[in-house]
Amino acid sequence: MTTAGIGIGILFGTLFLLILLRVPIAFSLGISAVAAALYLEIPLLNIYMKTVTSMQNFVIVACPFFIIMAQFMAFGGITKKLMRFCNLIVGRVPGGTALVNILVSMLFGGISGSSTADVSSIGAMLIPAMVEEGYDTDYSVAVTVTSSLEGVMIPPSQNMLFYSVAAASGISISTLLICGYVPGILLTLGLAIPAFIIAKKRKYPLSEKVDSKEKLKIFLESVAGLMGIVIVVVGTTTGICSATESAALAAAYCLVIAVFMYRSLSFRQFLESLYSALPIMAMSLAIIACSNAFSYVMSYLKVPALLSQVMLSISTNRNVIILLMLALMLVLGCFMDMGVLILVTTPILYPLAVGTLGMNPYHFGVVLVFGFAIGLCTPPVGTSLFIGCKIGNIPVEKCIKAFLPFYIIMFALLLILTFIPELSLILPRMMGLAV
């Protein structure tokens, strides 16, 4: 075996071994990179520099602000007001609470940018509420978990940010975020179809009727909370401010609204929200830093070029290679965390998809993120799936059947987004952005 082959074996073998031993993923990436570097006699200073320089990126600062904003929304009770607002829109439709779940996930996704945050916060409130209203537990969990993927697609998306950092090719994070709006809305509409059909077939109850006076009150209360989303949307789409600046403004706005308007965020809750955000931020930034060192070693070993050769040896048909990449994303998504996969595989798949196959880099970003997002709700390691099942107090194997209609919708949408690039690119092109 060649030196490069042994190096690749050490790099990925050490990574998977450490993951199996349940070593934190950031440490797993860093240790794997160092182990391979020692064998290949790469100066460890290079590894250190790659880890440090990855943090000197202004775009990465958006990640902590988005996390803090989501915590202010959750602790300040703004999320509950968004739920009541969504209930006004779809609450009286068959399966109304399920549709509220899907719609509020779209709105909350425009705040947190995280599927697991969506399931943890919204699921904790809506899964028990749906079961109490007469919905089956497996259906309630399936709706909550699958709709949480909307937060991965709809800006602000932490995972889109990870892709833009990992691609390292001058991709505008603001433009990339805009590319996620149409796919995110299509996912929302797609998931609503089986939710509605199943609810009508099983004759699930309608939500309670709200009188006109109460409707006006709910609407006015929710408008202030919705402005947090507007700040991010307007800031990123108009170019008034960058994604990082809009994240900071939105976080500050949510804090002011929760403290002075809703009066629902005490000083103690403020400290608790910051404290709860710390481990999420630390984990995210540590993974970014160590994955950059891991990617450096992969580039040194020419792993992207080797993958291209393997793919092209299987078939020279562009569509076949794209389908193979999608299959690879879905399989890997079943076993590893999404953020890590994006950071590790983007440097490998990007040259093949954009350089060899000629895919648009922004379009590929949307496809990659959505492809790995599906893994969040598939066994055996689906993070959102296990959180949802834990909240619903139901074993994973007992609710998978309820997921099948939603899986079909997501797989179909993945193929549609992959082979119809315009769905991802139409909005930025309408706005005159270069994509």
Protein backbone atom coordinates (compact mmCIF):
# COMPACT_ATOMS: atom_id res chain seq x y z
CA MET A 1 0.00 0.00 0.00
CA THR A 2 1.24 3.52 -0.80
CA THR A 3 2.06 6.15 1.80
CA ALA A 4 -1.05 8.13 0.77
CA GLY A 5 -3.23 5.04 1.12
CA ILE A 6 -1.95 4.35 4.63
CA GLY A 7 -2.41 8.03 5.51
CA ILE A 8 -6.03 7.94 4.36
CA GLY A 9 -6.56 4.76 6.38
CA ILE A 10 -5.11 6.38 9.50
CA LEU A 11 -7.12 9.59 9.00
CA PHE A 12 -10.55 8.00 8.55
CA GLY A 13 -9.86 4.87 10.62
CA THR A 14 -8.91 6.95 13.66
CA LEU A 15 -11.97 9.19 13.14
CA PHE A 16 -14.48 6.33 13.01
CA LEU A 17 -12.80 4.49 15.92
CA LEU A 18 -12.99 7.58 18.13
CA ILE A 19 -16.63 8.16 17.14
CA LEU A 20 -17.45 4.55 18.09
CA LEU A 21 -15.72 5.16 21.43
CA ARG A 22 -18.00 8.21 21.84
CA VAL A 23 -15.18 10.71 21.95
CA PRO A 24 -16.58 14.24 21.32
CA ILE A 25 -16.64 14.84 17.57
CA ALA A 26 -14.42 17.94 17.70
CA PHE A 27 -11.68 15.98 19.50
CA SER A 28 -12.17 13.05 17.11
CA LEU A 29 -11.54 15.29 14.10
CA GLY A 30 -8.51 16.99 15.68
CA ILE A 31 -6.89 13.78 16.92
CA SER A 32 -7.42 12.08 13.53
CA ALA A 33 -5.78 15.00 11.74
CA VAL A 34 -2.80 14.97 14.12
CA ALA A 35 -2.39 11.16 13.87
CA ALA A 36 -2.30 11.27 10.06
CA ALA A 37 -0.01 14.33 10.10
CA LEU A 38 2.50 12.54 12.34
CA TYR A 39 2.63 9.56 9.97
CA LEU A 40 2.91 11.79 6.89
CA GLU A 41 5.49 14.00 8.64
CA ILE A 42 3.40 17.12 8.10
CA PRO A 43 4.63 19.84 10.52
CA LEU A 44 2.19 20.05 13.44
CA LEU A 45 2.50 23.83 13.23
CA ASN A 46 0.58 23.60 9.93
CA ILE A 47 -2.25 21.74 11.69
CA TYR A 48 -2.27 24.32 14.47
CA MET A 49 -2.35 27.22 12.00
CA LYS A 50 -5.24 25.68 10.06
CA THR A 51 -7.20 25.29 13.29
CA VAL A 52 -6.58 28.87 14.39
CA THR A 53 -7.05 30.59 11.03
CA SER A 54 -10.45 28.92 10.55
CA MET A 55 -11.72 31.08 13.42
CA GLN A 56 -10.56 34.28 11.71
CA ASN A 57 -13.63 34.37 9.51
CA PHE A 58 -16.21 37.12 10.02
CA VAL A 59 -18.99 34.85 8.74
CA ILE A 60 -18.50 32.41 11.64
CA VAL A 61 -19.46 35.15 14.13
CA ALA A 62 -23.04 34.85 12.82
CA CYS A 63 -23.31 31.38 14.34
CA PRO A 64 -23.19 32.49 18.03
CA PHE A 65 -25.60 35.36 17.37
CA PHE A 66 -28.16 33.05 15.75
CA ILE A 67 -27.89 30.65 18.69
CA ILE A 68 -28.31 33.47 21.23
CA MET A 69 -31.28 34.86 19.31
CA ALA A 70 -32.99 31.46 19.42
CA GLN A 71 -32.42 31.24 23.17
CA PHE A 72 -33.91 34.71 23.74
CA MET A 73 -36.94 33.68 21.67
CA ALA A 74 -37.44 30.47 23.64
CA PHE A 75 -36.81 31.84 27.13
CA GLY A 76 -38.69 35.06 26.38
CA GLY A 77 -41.88 33.22 25.39
CA ILE A 78 -41.84 34.59 21.84
CA THR A 79 -42.04 31.05 20.43
CA LYS A 80 -45.38 30.48 22.19
CA LYS A 81 -46.78 33.66 20.64
CA LEU A 82 -45.72 32.43 17.18
CA MET A 83 -47.61 29.19 17.87
CA ARG A 84 -50.79 31.08 18.70
CA PHE A 85 -50.38 33.13 15.52
CA CYS A 86 -49.99 29.97 13.41
CA ASN A 87 -53.07 28.54 15.09
CA LEU A 88 -55.08 31.49 13.72
CA ILE A 89 -54.03 30.58 10.19
CA VAL A 90 -54.45 26.79 10.05
CA GLY A 91 -55.89 25.78 13.42
CA ARG A 92 -59.42 25.14 12.12
CA VAL A 93 -58.27 22.88 9.26
CA PRO A 94 -58.43 19.07 9.81
CA GLY A 95 -55.25 18.17 11.69
CA GLY A 96 -54.94 21.83 12.59
CA THR A 97 -52.49 21.36 15.45
CA ALA A 98 -50.24 19.27 13.20
CA LEU A 99 -50.31 22.00 10.56
CA VAL A 100 -49.61 24.58 13.27
CA ASN A 101 -46.61 22.45 14.16
CA ILE A 102 -45.37 22.51 10.56
CA LEU A 103 -45.98 26.23 10.08
CA VAL A 104 -44.42 27.32 13.35
CA SER A 105 -41.38 25.18 12.51
CA MET A 106 -40.97 27.26 9.37
CA LEU A 107 -41.14 30.50 11.37
CA PHE A 108 -38.96 29.23 14.21
CA GLY A 109 -36.57 27.83 11.62
CA GLY A 110 -36.18 31.41 10.43
CA ILE A 111 -34.95 32.19 13.92
CA SER A 112 -32.95 29.27 15.25
CA GLY A 113 -31.60 27.73 12.05
CA SER A 114 -31.35 24.44 13.90
CA SER A 115 -33.44 21.28 13.61
CA THR A 116 -32.54 20.02 17.07
CA ALA A 117 -33.38 23.40 18.64
CA ASP A 118 -36.73 23.28 16.84
CA VAL A 119 -37.58 19.78 18.09
CA SER A 120 -36.39 20.52 21.62
CA SER A 121 -38.38 23.74 22.03
CA ILE A 122 -41.46 23.32 19.84
CA GLY A 123 -41.66 19.57 20.36
CA ALA A 124 -41.59 19.95 24.12
CA MET A 125 -44.74 22.06 23.88
CA LEU A 126 -46.62 20.62 20.90
CA ILE A 127 -46.04 16.85 21.11
CA PRO A 128 -47.70 16.55 24.56
CA ALA A 129 -50.41 19.01 23.46
CA MET A 130 -51.18 16.99 20.32
CA VAL A 131 -51.36 13.72 22.27
CA GLU A 132 -53.67 15.35 24.81
CA GLU A 133 -55.95 16.53 22.01
CA GLY A 134 -56.28 12.96 20.69
CA TYR A 135 -53.49 12.69 18.12
CA ASP A 136 -51.52 9.43 18.04
CA THR A 137 -48.07 9.74 19.61
CA ASP A 138 -46.21 8.32 16.60
CA TYR A 139 -47.95 10.79 14.26
CA SER A 140 -47.23 13.71 16.61
CA VAL A 141 -43.53 12.80 16.77
CA ALA A 142 -43.28 12.26 12.99
CA VAL A 143 -44.82 15.65 12.20
CA THR A 144 -42.64 17.47 14.73
CA VAL A 145 -39.36 15.82 13.76
CA THR A 146 -39.75 16.05 9.98
CA SER A 147 -41.01 19.64 10.06
CA SER A 148 -37.95 20.60 12.11
CA LEU A 149 -35.88 20.18 8.93
CA GLU A 150 -37.44 23.42 7.68
CA GLY A 151 -35.11 25.21 10.09
CA VAL A 152 -32.14 23.69 8.28
CA MET A 153 -33.24 25.15 4.94
CA ILE A 154 -34.85 28.47 5.83
CA PRO A 155 -32.46 31.28 6.83
CA PRO A 156 -30.73 31.75 9.14
CA SER A 157 -29.26 28.27 8.76
CA GLN A 158 -26.16 27.33 10.72
CA ASN A 159 -25.56 24.47 8.30
CA MET A 160 -25.59 26.79 5.28
CA LEU A 161 -22.95 28.79 7.13
CA PHE A 162 -20.90 25.62 7.65
CA TYR A 163 -21.07 24.90 3.92
CA SER A 164 -19.92 28.39 2.95
CA VAL A 165 -16.95 28.10 5.33
CA ALA A 166 -16.02 24.57 4.21
CA ALA A 167 -16.30 25.36 0.48
CA ALA A 168 -13.73 28.16 0.92
CA SER A 169 -14.36 29.46 -2.59
CA GLY A 170 -15.72 32.95 -2.10
CA ILE A 171 -19.34 31.87 -1.66
CA SER A 172 -21.53 34.69 -0.31
CA ILE A 173 -23.33 33.46 2.81
CA SER A 174 -26.11 36.04 2.28
CA THR A 175 -26.76 34.78 -1.27
CA LEU A 176 -26.61 31.17 -0.10
CA LEU A 177 -29.17 31.88 2.63
CA ILE A 178 -31.51 33.43 0.07
CA CYS A 179 -31.24 30.24 -2.00
CA GLY A 180 -32.80 28.34 0.90
CA TYR A 181 -36.12 30.21 1.02
CA VAL A 182 -37.93 28.52 -1.88
CA PRO A 183 -36.76 24.97 -0.99
CA GLY A 184 -37.73 25.61 2.65
CA ILE A 185 -41.22 26.76 1.69
CA LEU A 186 -41.62 23.79 -0.69
CA LEU A 187 -40.65 21.47 2.17
CA THR A 188 -43.27 23.11 4.40
CA LEU A 189 -45.99 22.66 1.77
CA GLY A 190 -44.85 19.12 0.98
CA LEU A 191 -44.98 17.96 4.61
CA ALA A 192 -48.40 19.55 5.07
CA ILE A 193 -49.90 17.24 2.41
CA PRO A 194 -49.47 13.87 4.22
CA ALA A 195 -50.15 15.57 7.57
CA PHE A 196 -53.51 16.83 6.29
CA ILE A 197 -54.46 13.57 4.52
CA ILE A 198 -53.65 11.39 7.53
CA ALA A 199 -55.41 13.77 9.94
CA LYS A 200 -58.56 13.78 7.83
CA LYS A 201 -58.50 10.00 7.41
CA ARG A 202 -58.10 9.42 11.16
CA LYS A 203 -60.59 12.21 11.98
CA TYR A 204 -58.28 14.08 14.30
CA PRO A 205 -59.93 17.02 16.15
CA LEU A 206 -59.94 20.67 15.08
CA SER A 207 -58.34 23.33 17.25
CA GLU A 208 -60.54 25.43 19.50
CA LYS A 209 -62.26 28.38 17.83
CA VAL A 210 -60.96 31.83 18.77
CA ASP A 211 -63.24 34.89 18.80
CA SER A 212 -62.45 37.99 16.74
CA LYS A 213 -61.28 40.08 19.70
CA GLU A 214 -58.82 37.39 20.77
CA LYS A 215 -57.62 37.00 17.16
CA LEU A 216 -56.69 40.68 17.00
CA LYS A 217 -54.82 40.46 20.30
CA ILE A 218 -52.88 37.38 19.18
CA PHE A 219 -52.02 39.01 15.86
CA LEU A 220 -50.74 42.23 17.44
CA GLU A 221 -48.67 40.31 20.01
CA SER A 222 -47.10 38.11 17.35
CA VAL A 223 -46.18 40.96 14.98
CA ALA A 224 -43.39 42.17 17.27
CA GLY A 225 -41.94 38.65 17.49
CA LEU A 226 -42.17 38.18 13.73
CA MET A 227 -40.09 41.32 13.23
CA GLY A 228 -37.06 39.36 14.44
CA ILE A 229 -37.42 37.19 11.35
CA VAL A 230 -37.99 40.26 9.16
CA ILE A 231 -34.70 41.78 10.34
CA VAL A 232 -32.79 38.69 9.21
CA VAL A 233 -34.70 38.40 5.93
CA VAL A 234 -34.47 42.08 4.97
CA GLY A 235 -30.89 42.41 6.16
CA THR A 236 -29.60 39.46 4.13
CA THR A 237 -31.72 39.95 1.01
CA THR A 238 -31.32 43.70 0.50
CA GLY A 239 -27.63 43.90 1.30
CA ILE A 240 -28.22 46.54 3.98
CA CYS A 241 -26.12 44.42 6.31
CA SER A 242 -24.27 41.13 6.21
CA ALA A 243 -25.60 37.87 7.63
CA THR A 244 -23.44 38.37 10.72
CA GLU A 245 -24.64 41.93 11.27
CA SER A 246 -28.30 40.99 10.74
CA ALA A 247 -27.88 38.13 13.25
CA ALA A 248 -26.49 40.54 15.84
CA LEU A 249 -29.28 43.05 15.23
CA ALA A 250 -31.97 40.38 15.41
CA ALA A 251 -30.54 38.98 18.66
CA ALA A 252 -30.50 42.45 20.23
CA TYR A 253 -34.05 43.11 18.97
CA CYS A 254 -35.38 39.84 20.43
CA LEU A 255 -33.80 40.69 23.77
CA VAL A 256 -35.40 44.16 23.83
CA ILE A 257 -38.83 42.80 22.82
CA ALA A 258 -38.76 40.00 25.41
CA VAL A 259 -37.64 42.33 28.23
CA PHE A 260 -39.48 45.58 27.58
CA MET A 261 -42.54 44.71 25.48
CA TYR A 262 -43.56 41.20 26.49
CA ARG A 263 -41.92 41.52 29.94
CA SER A 264 -41.38 37.76 29.82
CA LEU A 265 -37.59 37.60 30.22
CA SER A 266 -36.32 38.23 33.73
CA PHE A 267 -32.68 38.90 34.54
CA ARG A 268 -32.34 35.34 35.81
CA GLN A 269 -33.84 33.95 32.59
CA PHE A 270 -31.52 36.21 30.61
CA LEU A 271 -28.52 34.64 32.33
CA GLU A 272 -30.00 31.15 31.87
CA SER A 273 -30.50 31.76 28.13
CA LEU A 274 -26.86 32.82 27.74
CA TYR A 275 -25.69 29.88 29.84
CA SER A 276 -27.72 27.41 27.74
CA ALA A 277 -26.26 28.91 24.55
CA LEU A 278 -22.64 28.45 25.67
CA PRO A 279 -22.28 24.68 25.15
CA ILE A 280 -23.96 24.91 21.74
CA MET A 281 -21.63 27.71 20.64
CA ALA A 282 -18.54 26.01 22.05
CA MET A 283 -19.38 22.75 20.29
CA SER A 284 -20.12 24.46 16.96
CA LEU A 285 -16.94 26.56 16.92
CA ALA A 286 -14.73 23.68 18.10
CA ILE A 287 -16.07 21.47 15.32
CA ILE A 288 -15.41 24.18 12.71
CA ALA A 289 -11.82 24.65 13.94
CA CYS A 290 -10.92 20.95 14.06
CA SER A 291 -12.70 20.10 10.81
CA ASN A 292 -10.54 22.69 9.05
CA ALA A 293 -7.41 20.82 10.17
CA PHE A 294 -9.02 17.54 9.10
CA SER A 295 -9.85 19.01 5.66
CA TYR A 296 -6.26 20.25 5.29
CA VAL A 297 -4.92 16.70 5.73
CA MET A 298 -7.53 15.38 3.28
CA SER A 299 -6.40 17.93 0.70
CA TYR A 300 -2.76 16.97 1.31
CA LEU A 301 -3.71 13.33 0.60
CA LYS A 302 -5.69 14.40 -2.51
CA VAL A 303 -8.83 12.66 -1.24
CA PRO A 304 -11.18 14.81 -3.43
CA ALA A 305 -9.29 13.80 -6.60
CA LEU A 306 -9.35 10.13 -5.57
CA LEU A 307 -13.11 10.25 -5.00
CA SER A 308 -13.62 11.82 -8.42
CA GLN A 309 -11.61 9.01 -10.01
CA VAL A 310 -13.67 6.36 -8.18
CA MET A 311 -16.98 7.95 -9.18
CA LEU A 312 -15.94 8.35 -12.82
CA SER A 313 -14.73 4.75 -12.91
CA ILE A 314 -18.26 3.62 -11.98
CA SER A 315 -19.97 5.74 -14.62
CA THR A 316 -19.30 8.75 -16.82
CA ASN A 317 -22.99 9.67 -16.94
CA ARG A 318 -23.51 12.96 -15.08
CA ASN A 319 -26.93 12.01 -13.70
CA VAL A 320 -25.69 8.64 -12.43
CA ILE A 321 -22.81 10.29 -10.56
CA ILE A 322 -25.20 12.84 -9.03
CA LEU A 323 -27.48 10.03 -7.85
CA LEU A 324 -24.47 8.26 -6.35
CA MET A 325 -23.59 11.43 -4.44
CA LEU A 326 -27.16 11.71 -3.15
CA ALA A 327 -27.06 8.08 -2.02
CA LEU A 328 -23.76 8.76 -0.26
CA MET A 329 -25.27 11.78 1.54
CA LEU A 330 -28.32 9.81 2.69
CA VAL A 331 -26.23 6.88 3.95
CA LEU A 332 -23.69 9.05 5.77
CA GLY A 333 -26.53 11.11 7.25
CA CYS A 334 -27.81 7.97 8.96
CA PHE A 335 -24.60 7.58 10.95
CA MET A 336 -23.03 10.99 11.61
CA ASP A 337 -24.08 14.42 12.80
CA MET A 338 -25.10 16.78 10.01
CA GLY A 339 -22.82 19.73 10.84
CA VAL A 340 -19.77 17.50 10.98
CA LEU A 341 -20.68 15.82 7.69
CA ILE A 342 -21.00 19.16 5.91
CA LEU A 343 -17.64 20.38 7.19
CA VAL A 344 -15.85 17.10 6.41
CA THR A 345 -17.44 16.13 3.06
CA THR A 346 -17.78 19.55 1.40
CA PRO A 347 -14.04 19.76 0.59
CA ILE A 348 -14.33 16.25 -0.92
CA LEU A 349 -17.60 16.53 -2.86
CA TYR A 350 -17.38 20.19 -3.88
CA PRO A 351 -14.60 19.75 -6.50
CA LEU A 352 -16.45 16.77 -7.99
CA ALA A 353 -19.88 18.44 -8.08
CA VAL A 354 -18.85 21.95 -9.10
CA GLY A 355 -15.58 21.31 -10.94
CA THR A 356 -16.24 17.99 -12.70
CA LEU A 357 -20.05 17.91 -13.00
CA GLY A 358 -20.52 21.64 -13.48
CA MET A 359 -23.13 22.12 -10.75
CA ASN A 360 -23.75 25.67 -9.54
CA PRO A 361 -21.96 26.09 -6.15
CA TYR A 362 -25.04 27.66 -4.53
CA HIS A 363 -27.36 25.02 -5.92
CA PHE A 364 -25.01 22.28 -4.72
CA GLY A 365 -24.96 23.86 -1.27
CA VAL A 366 -28.75 23.61 -1.01
CA VAL A 367 -28.72 19.99 -2.21
CA LEU A 368 -25.89 19.01 0.15
CA VAL A 369 -27.52 20.60 3.18
CA PHE A 370 -30.94 19.07 2.48
CA GLY A 371 -29.45 15.66 1.67
CA PHE A 372 -27.69 15.52 5.03
CA ALA A 373 -30.69 17.09 6.80
CA ILE A 374 -32.81 14.03 6.02
CA GLY A 375 -30.34 12.02 8.11
CA LEU A 376 -31.43 14.01 11.18
CA CYS A 377 -34.72 12.12 11.23
CA THR A 378 -33.55 8.67 10.10
CA PRO A 379 -32.21 5.87 12.31
CA PRO A 380 -29.82 4.77 13.67
CA VAL A 381 -28.23 8.11 14.68
CA GLY A 382 -30.84 10.70 13.72
CA THR A 383 -30.41 13.41 16.38
CA SER A 384 -33.80 15.06 15.88
CA LEU A 385 -35.52 11.66 15.66
CA PHE A 386 -34.23 10.57 19.06
CA ILE A 387 -35.04 13.92 20.70
CA GLY A 388 -38.60 13.75 19.36
CA CYS A 389 -39.06 10.15 20.51
CA LYS A 390 -37.73 11.02 23.95
CA ILE A 391 -40.19 13.90 24.29
CA GLY A 392 -43.05 11.68 23.08
CA ASN A 393 -41.86 8.86 25.36
CA ILE A 394 -42.09 6.33 22.53
CA PRO A 395 -39.44 3.87 21.23
CA VAL A 396 -37.96 4.74 17.84
CA GLU A 397 -39.01 1.43 16.28
CA LYS A 398 -42.67 2.06 17.16
CA CYS A 399 -42.93 5.36 15.32
CA ILE A 400 -40.87 4.75 12.15
CA LYS A 401 -43.97 3.57 10.25
CA ALA A 402 -45.58 6.98 10.85
CA PHE A 403 -42.53 8.62 9.26
CA LEU A 404 -42.84 6.77 5.93
CA PRO A 405 -45.23 9.23 4.15
CA PHE A 406 -43.01 12.12 5.21
CA TYR A 407 -39.83 10.30 4.10
CA ILE A 408 -41.37 9.83 0.64
CA ILE A 409 -42.08 13.57 0.39
CA MET A 410 -38.53 14.47 1.48
CA PHE A 411 -36.84 12.01 -0.90
CA ALA A 412 -39.00 13.26 -3.78
CA LEU A 413 -38.20 16.88 -2.95
CA LEU A 414 -34.47 16.09 -2.76
CA LEU A 415 -34.58 14.71 -6.33
CA ILE A 416 -36.64 17.68 -7.55
CA LEU A 417 -34.25 20.21 -6.00
CA THR A 418 -31.26 18.33 -7.39
CA PHE A 419 -32.41 18.16 -11.00
CA ILE A 420 -34.24 21.51 -11.15
CA PRO A 421 -31.57 24.04 -10.05
CA GLU A 422 -33.85 27.01 -10.76
CA LEU A 423 -35.91 26.24 -7.65
CA SER A 424 -32.88 27.16 -5.55
CA LEU A 425 -31.51 29.91 -7.76
CA ILE A 426 -34.65 31.74 -8.93
CA LEU A 427 -34.95 34.05 -5.93
CA PRO A 428 -31.35 35.38 -5.90
CA ARG A 429 -31.48 35.77 -9.69
CA MET A 430 -34.72 37.75 -9.45
CA MET A 431 -32.91 40.01 -7.00
CA GLY A 432 -30.03 40.48 -9.44
CA LEU A 433 -27.49 38.60 -7.34
CA ALA A 434 -24.59 36.79 -8.97
CA VAL A 435 -25.11 33.01 -8.64
